[in-house]
Amino acid sequence: MTIRFAAATTAASTHPVVRRVCAVRLSRPANDNPSADRNDKLVYEALRHFAQHGIAAARHAKGRAEEAFFAGDREAYDWWLGICRQLDRRMARDCAAGIDGAEAADA
């Protein structure tokens, strides 16, 4: 039985078309939030809220956002929705959609 050795090819030793097609695309990790959304104070408070309430923190923040909205406190609503968004984007999106739907029905 013969043993064959095939050295690994590098991008430098391959054909230019192959290098173009197989080029590794460096991108941000999927779990990083875009930097445009980043508010350090909000992130800090979301982490504190998570430390206090554990896995139910997003649901608790959503409840506080809904309470603030129905109390007419838009600033508190935006704050709690932002904390909910930091913890669970889908839940925050659904909450905001429900609130927007309630506003449209009232108009």
PDB file of N, CA and C in Angstrom:
ATOM      1  N   MET A   1       0.852  -1.170   0.000  1.00  0.00           N
ATOM      2  CA  MET A   1       0.000   0.000   0.000  1.00  0.00           C
ATOM      3  C   MET A   1       0.894   1.228   0.000  1.00  0.00           C
ATOM      4  N   THR A   2       0.627   2.105  -0.923  1.00  0.00           N
ATOM      5  CA  THR A   2       1.437   3.310  -1.013  1.00  0.00           C
ATOM      6  C   THR A   2       0.805   4.415  -0.186  1.00  0.00           C
ATOM      7  N   ILE A   3       1.658   5.246   0.316  1.00  0.00           N
ATOM      8  CA  ILE A   3       1.206   6.401   1.092  1.00  0.00           C
ATOM      9  C   ILE A   3       1.477   7.637   0.257  1.00  0.00           C
ATOM     10  N   ARG A   4       0.479   8.435   0.101  1.00  0.00           N
ATOM     11  CA  ARG A   4       0.643   9.658  -0.672  1.00  0.00           C
ATOM     12  C   ARG A   4       0.498  10.852   0.257  1.00  0.00           C
ATOM     13  N   PHE A   5       1.325  11.817   0.007  1.00  0.00           N
ATOM     14  CA  PHE A   5       1.269  13.029   0.792  1.00  0.00           C
ATOM     15  C   PHE A   5       0.812  14.166  -0.111  1.00  0.00           C
ATOM     16  N   ALA A   6      -0.215  14.846   0.288  1.00  0.00           N
ATOM     17  CA  ALA A   6      -0.702  16.001  -0.461  1.00  0.00           C
ATOM     18  C   ALA A   6      -0.628  17.198   0.474  1.00  0.00           C
ATOM     19  N   ALA A   7       0.279  18.068   0.187  1.00  0.00           N
ATOM     20  CA  ALA A   7       0.441  19.253   1.024  1.00  0.00           C
ATOM     21  C   ALA A   7      -0.790  20.147   0.900  1.00  0.00           C
ATOM     22  N   ALA A   8      -1.144  20.766   1.978  1.00  0.00           N
ATOM     23  CA  ALA A   8      -2.285  21.682   1.970  1.00  0.00           C
ATOM     24  C   ALA A   8      -1.970  22.869   1.090  1.00  0.00           C
ATOM     25  N   THR A   9      -2.943  23.271   0.332  1.00  0.00           N
ATOM     26  CA  THR A   9      -2.736  24.436  -0.515  1.00  0.00           C
ATOM     27  C   THR A   9      -3.107  25.681   0.263  1.00  0.00           C
ATOM     28  N   THR A  10      -2.432  26.724   0.004  1.00  0.00           N
ATOM     29  CA  THR A  10      -2.739  28.009   0.634  1.00  0.00           C
ATOM     30  C   THR A  10      -3.359  28.925  -0.399  1.00  0.00           C
ATOM     31  N   ALA A  11      -3.931  29.981   0.054  1.00  0.00           N
ATOM     32  CA  ALA A  11      -4.546  30.936  -0.863  1.00  0.00           C
ATOM     33  C   ALA A  11      -3.511  31.525  -1.808  1.00  0.00           C
ATOM     34  N   ALA A  12      -2.282  31.632  -1.356  1.00  0.00           N
ATOM     35  CA  ALA A  12      -1.233  32.213  -2.193  1.00  0.00           C
ATOM     36  C   ALA A  12      -0.840  31.284  -3.336  1.00  0.00           C
ATOM     37  N   SER A  13      -1.031  29.971  -3.149  1.00  0.00           N
ATOM     38  CA  SER A  13      -0.595  29.038  -4.182  1.00  0.00           C
ATOM     39  C   SER A  13      -1.719  28.585  -5.104  1.00  0.00           C
ATOM     40  N   THR A  14      -2.919  29.048  -4.909  1.00  0.00           N
ATOM     41  CA  THR A  14      -4.031  28.623  -5.744  1.00  0.00           C
ATOM     42  C   THR A  14      -4.284  29.623  -6.852  1.00  0.00           C
ATOM     43  N   HIS A  15      -5.158  29.245  -7.730  1.00  0.00           N
ATOM     44  CA  HIS A  15      -5.523  30.073  -8.876  1.00  0.00           C
ATOM     45  C   HIS A  15      -6.245  31.331  -8.387  1.00  0.00           C
ATOM     46  N   PRO A  16      -6.053  32.466  -9.044  1.00  0.00           N
ATOM     47  CA  PRO A  16      -6.686  33.728  -8.604  1.00  0.00           C
ATOM     48  C   PRO A  16      -8.210  33.657  -8.502  1.00  0.00           C
ATOM     49  N   VAL A  17      -8.861  32.911  -9.383  1.00  0.00           N
ATOM     50  CA  VAL A  17     -10.317  32.800  -9.335  1.00  0.00           C
ATOM     51  C   VAL A  17     -10.736  32.047  -8.072  1.00  0.00           C
ATOM     52  N   VAL A  18     -10.001  30.987  -7.737  1.00  0.00           N
ATOM     53  CA  VAL A  18     -10.311  30.216  -6.536  1.00  0.00           C
ATOM     54  C   VAL A  18     -10.111  31.078  -5.300  1.00  0.00           C
ATOM     55  N   ARG A  19      -9.052  31.865  -5.292  1.00  0.00           N
ATOM     56  CA  ARG A  19      -8.817  32.757  -4.148  1.00  0.00           C
ATOM     57  C   ARG A  19      -9.974  33.727  -3.981  1.00  0.00           C
ATOM     58  N   ARG A  20     -10.497  34.220  -5.090  1.00  0.00           N
ATOM     59  CA  ARG A  20     -11.594  35.195  -5.037  1.00  0.00           C
ATOM     60  C   ARG A  20     -12.882  34.546  -4.514  1.00  0.00           C
ATOM     61  N   VAL A  21     -13.167  33.344  -4.983  1.00  0.00           N
ATOM     62  CA  VAL A  21     -14.392  32.661  -4.603  1.00  0.00           C
ATOM     63  C   VAL A  21     -14.338  32.180  -3.154  1.00  0.00           C
ATOM     64  N   CYS A  22     -13.176  31.706  -2.728  1.00  0.00           N
ATOM     65  CA  CYS A  22     -13.044  31.101  -1.403  1.00  0.00           C
ATOM     66  C   CYS A  22     -12.501  32.054  -0.351  1.00  0.00           C
ATOM     67  N   ALA A  23     -12.459  33.316  -0.646  1.00  0.00           N
ATOM     68  CA  ALA A  23     -11.900  34.272   0.313  1.00  0.00           C
ATOM     69  C   ALA A  23     -12.740  34.283   1.590  1.00  0.00           C
ATOM     70  N   VAL A  24     -12.062  34.293   2.692  1.00  0.00           N
ATOM     71  CA  VAL A  24     -12.738  34.343   3.982  1.00  0.00           C
ATOM     72  C   VAL A  24     -13.221  35.762   4.205  1.00  0.00           C
ATOM     73  N   ARG A  25     -14.489  35.879   4.459  1.00  0.00           N
ATOM     74  CA  ARG A  25     -15.061  37.195   4.706  1.00  0.00           C
ATOM     75  C   ARG A  25     -15.045  37.443   6.215  1.00  0.00           C
ATOM     76  N   LEU A  26     -14.324  38.447   6.609  1.00  0.00           N
ATOM     77  CA  LEU A  26     -14.289  38.797   8.022  1.00  0.00           C
ATOM     78  C   LEU A  26     -15.472  39.707   8.316  1.00  0.00           C
ATOM     79  N   SER A  27     -16.240  39.331   9.295  1.00  0.00           N
ATOM     80  CA  SER A  27     -17.382  40.148   9.669  1.00  0.00           C
ATOM     81  C   SER A  27     -17.530  40.115  11.177  1.00  0.00           C
ATOM     82  N   ARG A  28     -18.442  40.900  11.646  1.00  0.00           N
ATOM     83  CA  ARG A  28     -18.696  40.935  13.080  1.00  0.00           C
ATOM     84  C   ARG A  28     -19.348  39.633  13.511  1.00  0.00           C
ATOM     85  N   PRO A  29     -19.092  39.200  14.722  1.00  0.00           N
ATOM     86  CA  PRO A  29     -19.786  38.008  15.226  1.00  0.00           C
ATOM     87  C   PRO A  29     -21.293  38.245  15.242  1.00  0.00           C
ATOM     88  N   ALA A  30     -22.046  37.192  15.029  1.00  0.00           N
ATOM     89  CA  ALA A  30     -23.501  37.309  14.926  1.00  0.00           C
ATOM     90  C   ALA A  30     -24.151  37.789  16.218  1.00  0.00           C
ATOM     91  N   ASN A  31     -23.510  37.575  17.354  1.00  0.00           N
ATOM     92  CA  ASN A  31     -24.130  37.949  18.614  1.00  0.00           C
ATOM     93  C   ASN A  31     -23.801  39.371  19.062  1.00  0.00           C
ATOM     94  N   ASP A  32     -23.081  40.120  18.256  1.00  0.00           N
ATOM     95  CA  ASP A  32     -22.781  41.508  18.607  1.00  0.00           C
ATOM     96  C   ASP A  32     -23.866  42.423  18.063  1.00  0.00           C
ATOM     97  N   ASN A  33     -24.330  43.307  18.896  1.00  0.00           N
ATOM     98  CA  ASN A  33     -25.301  44.290  18.453  1.00  0.00           C
ATOM     99  C   ASN A  33     -24.591  45.362  17.638  1.00  0.00           C
ATOM    100  N   PRO A  34     -25.280  45.944  16.675  1.00  0.00           N
ATOM    101  CA  PRO A  34     -24.658  47.032  15.913  1.00  0.00           C
ATOM    102  C   PRO A  34     -24.271  48.186  16.836  1.00  0.00           C
ATOM    103  N   SER A  35     -23.164  48.825  16.540  1.00  0.00           N
ATOM    104  CA  SER A  35     -22.684  49.886  17.421  1.00  0.00           C
ATOM    105  C   SER A  35     -23.579  51.120  17.392  1.00  0.00           C
ATOM    106  N   ALA A  36     -24.381  51.297  16.347  1.00  0.00           N
ATOM    107  CA  ALA A  36     -25.262  52.459  16.267  1.00  0.00           C
ATOM    108  C   ALA A  36     -26.345  52.404  17.350  1.00  0.00           C
ATOM    109  N   ASP A  37     -26.758  51.192  17.754  1.00  0.00           N
ATOM    110  CA  ASP A  37     -27.790  51.031  18.780  1.00  0.00           C
ATOM    111  C   ASP A  37     -27.241  51.156  20.191  1.00  0.00           C
ATOM    112  N   ARG A  38     -25.951  51.186  20.323  1.00  0.00           N
ATOM    113  CA  ARG A  38     -25.331  51.051  21.635  1.00  0.00           C
ATOM    114  C   ARG A  38     -25.499  52.307  22.491  1.00  0.00           C
ATOM    115  N   ASN A  39     -26.031  52.086  23.654  1.00  0.00           N
ATOM    116  CA  ASN A  39     -26.174  53.125  24.664  1.00  0.00           C
ATOM    117  C   ASN A  39     -25.635  52.499  25.942  1.00  0.00           C
ATOM    118  N   ASP A  40     -24.434  52.885  26.356  1.00  0.00           N
ATOM    119  CA  ASP A  40     -23.773  52.227  27.475  1.00  0.00           C
ATOM    120  C   ASP A  40     -24.590  52.276  28.759  1.00  0.00           C
ATOM    121  N   LYS A  41     -25.264  53.374  29.012  1.00  0.00           N
ATOM    122  CA  LYS A  41     -26.080  53.476  30.223  1.00  0.00           C
ATOM    123  C   LYS A  41     -27.231  52.472  30.159  1.00  0.00           C
ATOM    124  N   LEU A  42     -27.853  52.357  28.995  1.00  0.00           N
ATOM    125  CA  LEU A  42     -28.954  51.420  28.825  1.00  0.00           C
ATOM    126  C   LEU A  42     -28.468  49.975  28.960  1.00  0.00           C
ATOM    127  N   VAL A  43     -27.303  49.659  28.394  1.00  0.00           N
ATOM    128  CA  VAL A  43     -26.737  48.316  28.515  1.00  0.00           C
ATOM    129  C   VAL A  43     -26.442  48.006  29.978  1.00  0.00           C
ATOM    130  N   TYR A  44     -25.858  48.956  30.674  1.00  0.00           N
ATOM    131  CA  TYR A  44     -25.540  48.769  32.085  1.00  0.00           C
ATOM    132  C   TYR A  44     -26.805  48.505  32.898  1.00  0.00           C
ATOM    133  N   GLU A  45     -27.829  49.312  32.668  1.00  0.00           N
ATOM    134  CA  GLU A  45     -29.075  49.146  33.409  1.00  0.00           C
ATOM    135  C   GLU A  45     -29.784  47.838  33.037  1.00  0.00           C
ATOM    136  N   ALA A  46     -29.681  47.429  31.774  1.00  0.00           N
ATOM    137  CA  ALA A  46     -30.265  46.152  31.359  1.00  0.00           C
ATOM    138  C   ALA A  46     -29.564  44.993  32.067  1.00  0.00           C
ATOM    139  N   LEU A  47     -28.253  45.088  32.207  1.00  0.00           N
ATOM    140  CA  LEU A  47     -27.517  44.050  32.924  1.00  0.00           C
ATOM    141  C   LEU A  47     -27.889  44.029  34.409  1.00  0.00           C
ATOM    142  N   ARG A  48     -28.055  45.188  35.010  1.00  0.00           N
ATOM    143  CA  ARG A  48     -28.486  45.248  36.406  1.00  0.00           C
ATOM    144  C   ARG A  48     -29.885  44.654  36.561  1.00  0.00           C
ATOM    145  N   HIS A  49     -30.754  44.980  35.613  1.00  0.00           N
ATOM    146  CA  HIS A  49     -32.118  44.460  35.637  1.00  0.00           C
ATOM    147  C   HIS A  49     -32.095  42.936  35.504  1.00  0.00           C
ATOM    148  N   PHE A  50     -31.235  42.429  34.635  1.00  0.00           N
ATOM    149  CA  PHE A  50     -31.098  40.982  34.466  1.00  0.00           C
ATOM    150  C   PHE A  50     -30.572  40.327  35.746  1.00  0.00           C
ATOM    151  N   ALA A  51     -29.627  40.993  36.412  1.00  0.00           N
ATOM    152  CA  ALA A  51     -29.089  40.460  37.665  1.00  0.00           C
ATOM    153  C   ALA A  51     -30.177  40.382  38.734  1.00  0.00           C
ATOM    154  N   GLN A  52     -31.095  41.327  38.706  1.00  0.00           N
ATOM    155  CA  GLN A  52     -32.179  41.356  39.691  1.00  0.00           C
ATOM    156  C   GLN A  52     -33.268  40.331  39.408  1.00  0.00           C
ATOM    157  N   HIS A  53     -33.646  40.200  38.142  1.00  0.00           N
ATOM    158  CA  HIS A  53     -34.818  39.406  37.789  1.00  0.00           C
ATOM    159  C   HIS A  53     -34.499  38.103  37.062  1.00  0.00           C
ATOM    160  N   GLY A  54     -33.247  37.890  36.741  1.00  0.00           N
ATOM    161  CA  GLY A  54     -32.861  36.639  36.093  1.00  0.00           C
ATOM    162  C   GLY A  54     -33.484  36.483  34.714  1.00  0.00           C
ATOM    163  N   ILE A  55     -33.863  35.253  34.409  1.00  0.00           N
ATOM    164  CA  ILE A  55     -34.340  34.937  33.067  1.00  0.00           C
ATOM    165  C   ILE A  55     -35.674  35.619  32.736  1.00  0.00           C
ATOM    166  N   ALA A  56     -36.393  36.082  33.738  1.00  0.00           N
ATOM    167  CA  ALA A  56     -37.664  36.764  33.513  1.00  0.00           C
ATOM    168  C   ALA A  56     -37.493  38.271  33.340  1.00  0.00           C
ATOM    169  N   ALA A  57     -36.265  38.742  33.233  1.00  0.00           N
ATOM    170  CA  ALA A  57     -36.001  40.182  33.181  1.00  0.00           C
ATOM    171  C   ALA A  57     -36.649  40.854  31.974  1.00  0.00           C
ATOM    172  N   ALA A  58     -36.589  40.234  30.813  1.00  0.00           N
ATOM    173  CA  ALA A  58     -37.182  40.851  29.620  1.00  0.00           C
ATOM    174  C   ALA A  58     -38.696  40.962  29.772  1.00  0.00           C
ATOM    175  N   ARG A  59     -39.325  39.915  30.285  1.00  0.00           N
ATOM    176  CA  ARG A  59     -40.778  39.941  30.491  1.00  0.00           C
ATOM    177  C   ARG A  59     -41.156  41.018  31.516  1.00  0.00           C
ATOM    178  N   HIS A  60     -40.344  41.158  32.555  1.00  0.00           N
ATOM    179  CA  HIS A  60     -40.600  42.180  33.570  1.00  0.00           C
ATOM    180  C   HIS A  60     -40.456  43.578  32.962  1.00  0.00           C
ATOM    181  N   ALA A  61     -39.419  43.789  32.160  1.00  0.00           N
ATOM    182  CA  ALA A  61     -39.212  45.094  31.513  1.00  0.00           C
ATOM    183  C   ALA A  61     -40.354  45.407  30.553  1.00  0.00           C
ATOM    184  N   LYS A  62     -40.833  44.394  29.856  1.00  0.00           N
ATOM    185  CA  LYS A  62     -41.971  44.590  28.944  1.00  0.00           C
ATOM    186  C   LYS A  62     -43.200  45.022  29.735  1.00  0.00           C
ATOM    187  N   GLY A  63     -43.432  44.377  30.871  1.00  0.00           N
ATOM    188  CA  GLY A  63     -44.563  44.754  31.713  1.00  0.00           C
ATOM    189  C   GLY A  63     -44.460  46.179  32.211  1.00  0.00           C
ATOM    190  N   ARG A  64     -43.253  46.569  32.608  1.00  0.00           N
ATOM    191  CA  ARG A  64     -43.050  47.954  33.072  1.00  0.00           C
ATOM    192  C   ARG A  64     -43.268  48.943  31.921  1.00  0.00           C
ATOM    193  N   ALA A  65     -42.838  48.569  30.710  1.00  0.00           N
ATOM    194  CA  ALA A  65     -43.039  49.437  29.541  1.00  0.00           C
ATOM    195  C   ALA A  65     -44.531  49.605  29.263  1.00  0.00           C
ATOM    196  N   GLU A  66     -45.279  48.518  29.326  1.00  0.00           N
ATOM    197  CA  GLU A  66     -46.726  48.603  29.083  1.00  0.00           C
ATOM    198  C   GLU A  66     -47.415  49.441  30.160  1.00  0.00           C
ATOM    199  N   GLU A  67     -47.011  49.257  31.420  1.00  0.00           N
ATOM    200  CA  GLU A  67     -47.580  50.068  32.509  1.00  0.00           C
ATOM    201  C   GLU A  67     -47.315  51.556  32.268  1.00  0.00           C
ATOM    202  N   ALA A  68     -46.083  51.871  31.887  1.00  0.00           N
ATOM    203  CA  ALA A  68     -45.715  53.276  31.647  1.00  0.00           C
ATOM    204  C   ALA A  68     -46.505  53.844  30.472  1.00  0.00           C
ATOM    205  N   PHE A  69     -46.682  53.039  29.438  1.00  0.00           N
ATOM    206  CA  PHE A  69     -47.424  53.525  28.276  1.00  0.00           C
ATOM    207  C   PHE A  69     -48.864  53.852  28.642  1.00  0.00           C
ATOM    208  N   PHE A  70     -49.523  52.932  29.334  1.00  0.00           N
ATOM    209  CA  PHE A  70     -50.932  53.147  29.667  1.00  0.00           C
ATOM    210  C   PHE A  70     -51.110  54.201  30.758  1.00  0.00           C
ATOM    211  N   ALA A  71     -50.020  54.517  31.474  1.00  0.00           N
ATOM    212  CA  ALA A  71     -50.068  55.618  32.442  1.00  0.00           C
ATOM    213  C   ALA A  71     -49.779  56.955  31.760  1.00  0.00           C
ATOM    214  N   GLY A  72     -49.420  56.915  30.480  1.00  0.00           N
ATOM    215  CA  GLY A  72     -49.160  58.138  29.730  1.00  0.00           C
ATOM    216  C   GLY A  72     -47.741  58.671  29.880  1.00  0.00           C
ATOM    217  N   ASP A  73     -46.840  57.884  30.411  1.00  0.00           N
ATOM    218  CA  ASP A  73     -45.451  58.303  30.622  1.00  0.00           C
ATOM    219  C   ASP A  73     -44.590  57.775  29.475  1.00  0.00           C
ATOM    220  N   ARG A  74     -44.508  58.562  28.411  1.00  0.00           N
ATOM    221  CA  ARG A  74     -43.801  58.114  27.197  1.00  0.00           C
ATOM    222  C   ARG A  74     -42.304  57.930  27.445  1.00  0.00           C
ATOM    223  N   GLU A  75     -41.715  58.777  28.268  1.00  0.00           N
ATOM    224  CA  GLU A  75     -40.282  58.678  28.542  1.00  0.00           C
ATOM    225  C   GLU A  75     -39.945  57.361  29.256  1.00  0.00           C
ATOM    226  N   ALA A  76     -40.737  57.010  30.257  1.00  0.00           N
ATOM    227  CA  ALA A  76     -40.522  55.746  30.973  1.00  0.00           C
ATOM    228  C   ALA A  76     -40.792  54.560  30.051  1.00  0.00           C
ATOM    229  N   TYR A  77     -41.805  54.685  29.191  1.00  0.00           N
ATOM    230  CA  TYR A  77     -42.104  53.619  28.227  1.00  0.00           C
ATOM    231  C   TYR A  77     -40.900  53.367  27.320  1.00  0.00           C
ATOM    232  N   ASP A  78     -40.336  54.441  26.769  1.00  0.00           N
ATOM    233  CA  ASP A  78     -39.161  54.296  25.891  1.00  0.00           C
ATOM    234  C   ASP A  78     -37.990  53.669  26.643  1.00  0.00           C
ATOM    235  N   TRP A  79     -37.801  54.067  27.900  1.00  0.00           N
ATOM    236  CA  TRP A  79     -36.705  53.525  28.714  1.00  0.00           C
ATOM    237  C   TRP A  79     -36.871  52.024  28.932  1.00  0.00           C
ATOM    238  N   TRP A  80     -38.050  51.609  29.380  1.00  0.00           N
ATOM    239  CA  TRP A  80     -38.273  50.196  29.665  1.00  0.00           C
ATOM    240  C   TRP A  80     -38.316  49.355  28.396  1.00  0.00           C
ATOM    241  N   LEU A  81     -38.820  49.929  27.322  1.00  0.00           N
ATOM    242  CA  LEU A  81     -38.798  49.205  26.051  1.00  0.00           C
ATOM    243  C   LEU A  81     -37.357  49.032  25.581  1.00  0.00           C
ATOM    244  N   GLY A  82     -36.520  50.036  25.822  1.00  0.00           N
ATOM    245  CA  GLY A  82     -35.092  49.922  25.473  1.00  0.00           C
ATOM    246  C   GLY A  82     -34.401  48.827  26.271  1.00  0.00           C
ATOM    247  N   ILE A  83     -34.731  48.717  27.557  1.00  0.00           N
ATOM    248  CA  ILE A  83     -34.156  47.645  28.381  1.00  0.00           C
ATOM    249  C   ILE A  83     -34.655  46.292  27.885  1.00  0.00           C
ATOM    250  N   CYS A  84     -35.938  46.209  27.581  1.00  0.00           N
ATOM    251  CA  CYS A  84     -36.483  44.964  27.041  1.00  0.00           C
ATOM    252  C   CYS A  84     -35.790  44.616  25.722  1.00  0.00           C
ATOM    253  N   ARG A  85     -35.547  45.612  24.885  1.00  0.00           N
ATOM    254  CA  ARG A  85     -34.890  45.391  23.594  1.00  0.00           C
ATOM    255  C   ARG A  85     -33.469  44.867  23.774  1.00  0.00           C
ATOM    256  N   GLN A  86     -32.766  45.345  24.795  1.00  0.00           N
ATOM    257  CA  GLN A  86     -31.421  44.855  25.065  1.00  0.00           C
ATOM    258  C   GLN A  86     -31.436  43.383  25.475  1.00  0.00           C
ATOM    259  N   LEU A  87     -32.490  42.967  26.162  1.00  0.00           N
ATOM    260  CA  LEU A  87     -32.572  41.608  26.683  1.00  0.00           C
ATOM    261  C   LEU A  87     -33.229  40.640  25.701  1.00  0.00           C
ATOM    262  N   ASP A  88     -34.232  41.108  24.964  1.00  0.00           N
ATOM    263  CA  ASP A  88     -34.954  40.236  24.039  1.00  0.00           C
ATOM    264  C   ASP A  88     -35.575  41.091  22.935  1.00  0.00           C
ATOM    265  N   ARG A  89     -34.894  41.180  21.808  1.00  0.00           N
ATOM    266  CA  ARG A  89     -35.346  42.042  20.711  1.00  0.00           C
ATOM    267  C   ARG A  89     -36.730  41.653  20.189  1.00  0.00           C
ATOM    268  N   ARG A  90     -36.986  40.360  20.079  1.00  0.00           N
ATOM    269  CA  ARG A  90     -38.275  39.909  19.546  1.00  0.00           C
ATOM    270  C   ARG A  90     -39.419  40.325  20.477  1.00  0.00           C
ATOM    271  N   MET A  91     -39.224  40.154  21.766  1.00  0.00           N
ATOM    272  CA  MET A  91     -40.264  40.531  22.723  1.00  0.00           C
ATOM    273  C   MET A  91     -40.516  42.041  22.665  1.00  0.00           C
ATOM    274  N   ALA A  92     -39.454  42.827  22.557  1.00  0.00           N
ATOM    275  CA  ALA A  92     -39.604  44.281  22.475  1.00  0.00           C
ATOM    276  C   ALA A  92     -40.317  44.682  21.189  1.00  0.00           C
ATOM    277  N   ARG A  93     -39.986  44.011  20.098  1.00  0.00           N
ATOM    278  CA  ARG A  93     -40.646  44.309  18.816  1.00  0.00           C
ATOM    279  C   ARG A  93     -42.133  43.988  18.909  1.00  0.00           C
ATOM    280  N   ASP A  94     -42.476  42.850  19.496  1.00  0.00           N
ATOM    281  CA  ASP A  94     -43.877  42.479  19.643  1.00  0.00           C
ATOM    282  C   ASP A  94     -44.619  43.439  20.571  1.00  0.00           C
ATOM    283  N   CYS A  95     -43.949  43.875  21.624  1.00  0.00           N
ATOM    284  CA  CYS A  95     -44.550  44.837  22.551  1.00  0.00           C
ATOM    285  C   CYS A  95     -44.830  46.158  21.832  1.00  0.00           C
ATOM    286  N   ALA A  96     -43.842  46.651  21.106  1.00  0.00           N
ATOM    287  CA  ALA A  96     -44.008  47.913  20.388  1.00  0.00           C
ATOM    288  C   ALA A  96     -45.101  47.792  19.331  1.00  0.00           C
ATOM    289  N   ALA A  97     -45.173  46.648  18.661  1.00  0.00           N
ATOM    290  CA  ALA A  97     -46.212  46.442  17.644  1.00  0.00           C
ATOM    291  C   ALA A  97     -47.589  46.427  18.294  1.00  0.00           C
ATOM    292  N   GLY A  98     -47.702  45.806  19.460  1.00  0.00           N
ATOM    293  CA  GLY A  98     -48.978  45.779  20.173  1.00  0.00           C
ATOM    294  C   GLY A  98     -49.403  47.161  20.632  1.00  0.00           C
ATOM    295  N   ILE A  99     -48.438  47.936  21.101  1.00  0.00           N
ATOM    296  CA  ILE A  99     -48.732  49.304  21.545  1.00  0.00           C
ATOM    297  C   ILE A  99     -49.139  50.160  20.363  1.00  0.00           C
ATOM    298  N   ASP A 100     -48.410  50.035  19.241  1.00  0.00           N
ATOM    299  CA  ASP A 100     -48.754  50.812  18.049  1.00  0.00           C
ATOM    300  C   ASP A 100     -50.142  50.434  17.536  1.00  0.00           C
ATOM    301  N   GLY A 101     -50.467  49.142  17.647  1.00  0.00           N
ATOM    302  CA  GLY A 101     -51.793  48.700  17.250  1.00  0.00           C
ATOM    303  C   GLY A 101     -52.877  49.280  18.147  1.00  0.00           C
ATOM    304  N   ALA A 102     -52.595  49.372  19.440  1.00  0.00           N
ATOM    305  CA  ALA A 102     -53.546  49.941  20.393  1.00  0.00           C
ATOM    306  C   ALA A 102     -53.724  51.432  20.135  1.00  0.00           C
ATOM    307  N   GLU A 103     -52.649  52.114  19.782  1.00  0.00           N
ATOM    308  CA  GLU A 103     -52.741  53.550  19.466  1.00  0.00           C
ATOM    309  C   GLU A 103     -53.581  53.769  18.229  1.00  0.00           C
ATOM    310  N   ALA A 104     -53.397  52.923  17.205  1.00  0.00           N
ATOM    311  CA  ALA A 104     -54.140  53.056  15.958  1.00  0.00           C
ATOM    312  C   ALA A 104     -55.630  52.796  16.186  1.00  0.00           C
ATOM    313  N   ALA A 105     -55.955  51.832  17.051  1.00  0.00           N
ATOM    314  CA  ALA A 105     -57.348  51.506  17.329  1.00  0.00           C
ATOM    315  C   ALA A 105     -58.049  52.644  18.090  1.00  0.00           C
ATOM    316  N   ASP A 106     -57.268  53.331  18.949  1.00  0.00           N
ATOM    317  CA  ASP A 106     -57.837  54.443  19.719  1.00  0.00           C
ATOM    318  C   ASP A 106     -58.083  55.673  18.878  1.00  0.00           C
ATOM    319  N   ALA A 107     -57.338  55.825  17.781  1.00  0.00           N
ATOM    320  CA  ALA A 107     -57.444  57.040  16.972  1.00  0.00           C
ATOM    321  C   ALA A 107     -58.681  57.069  16.110  1.00  0.00           C
TER     322      ALA A 107
END
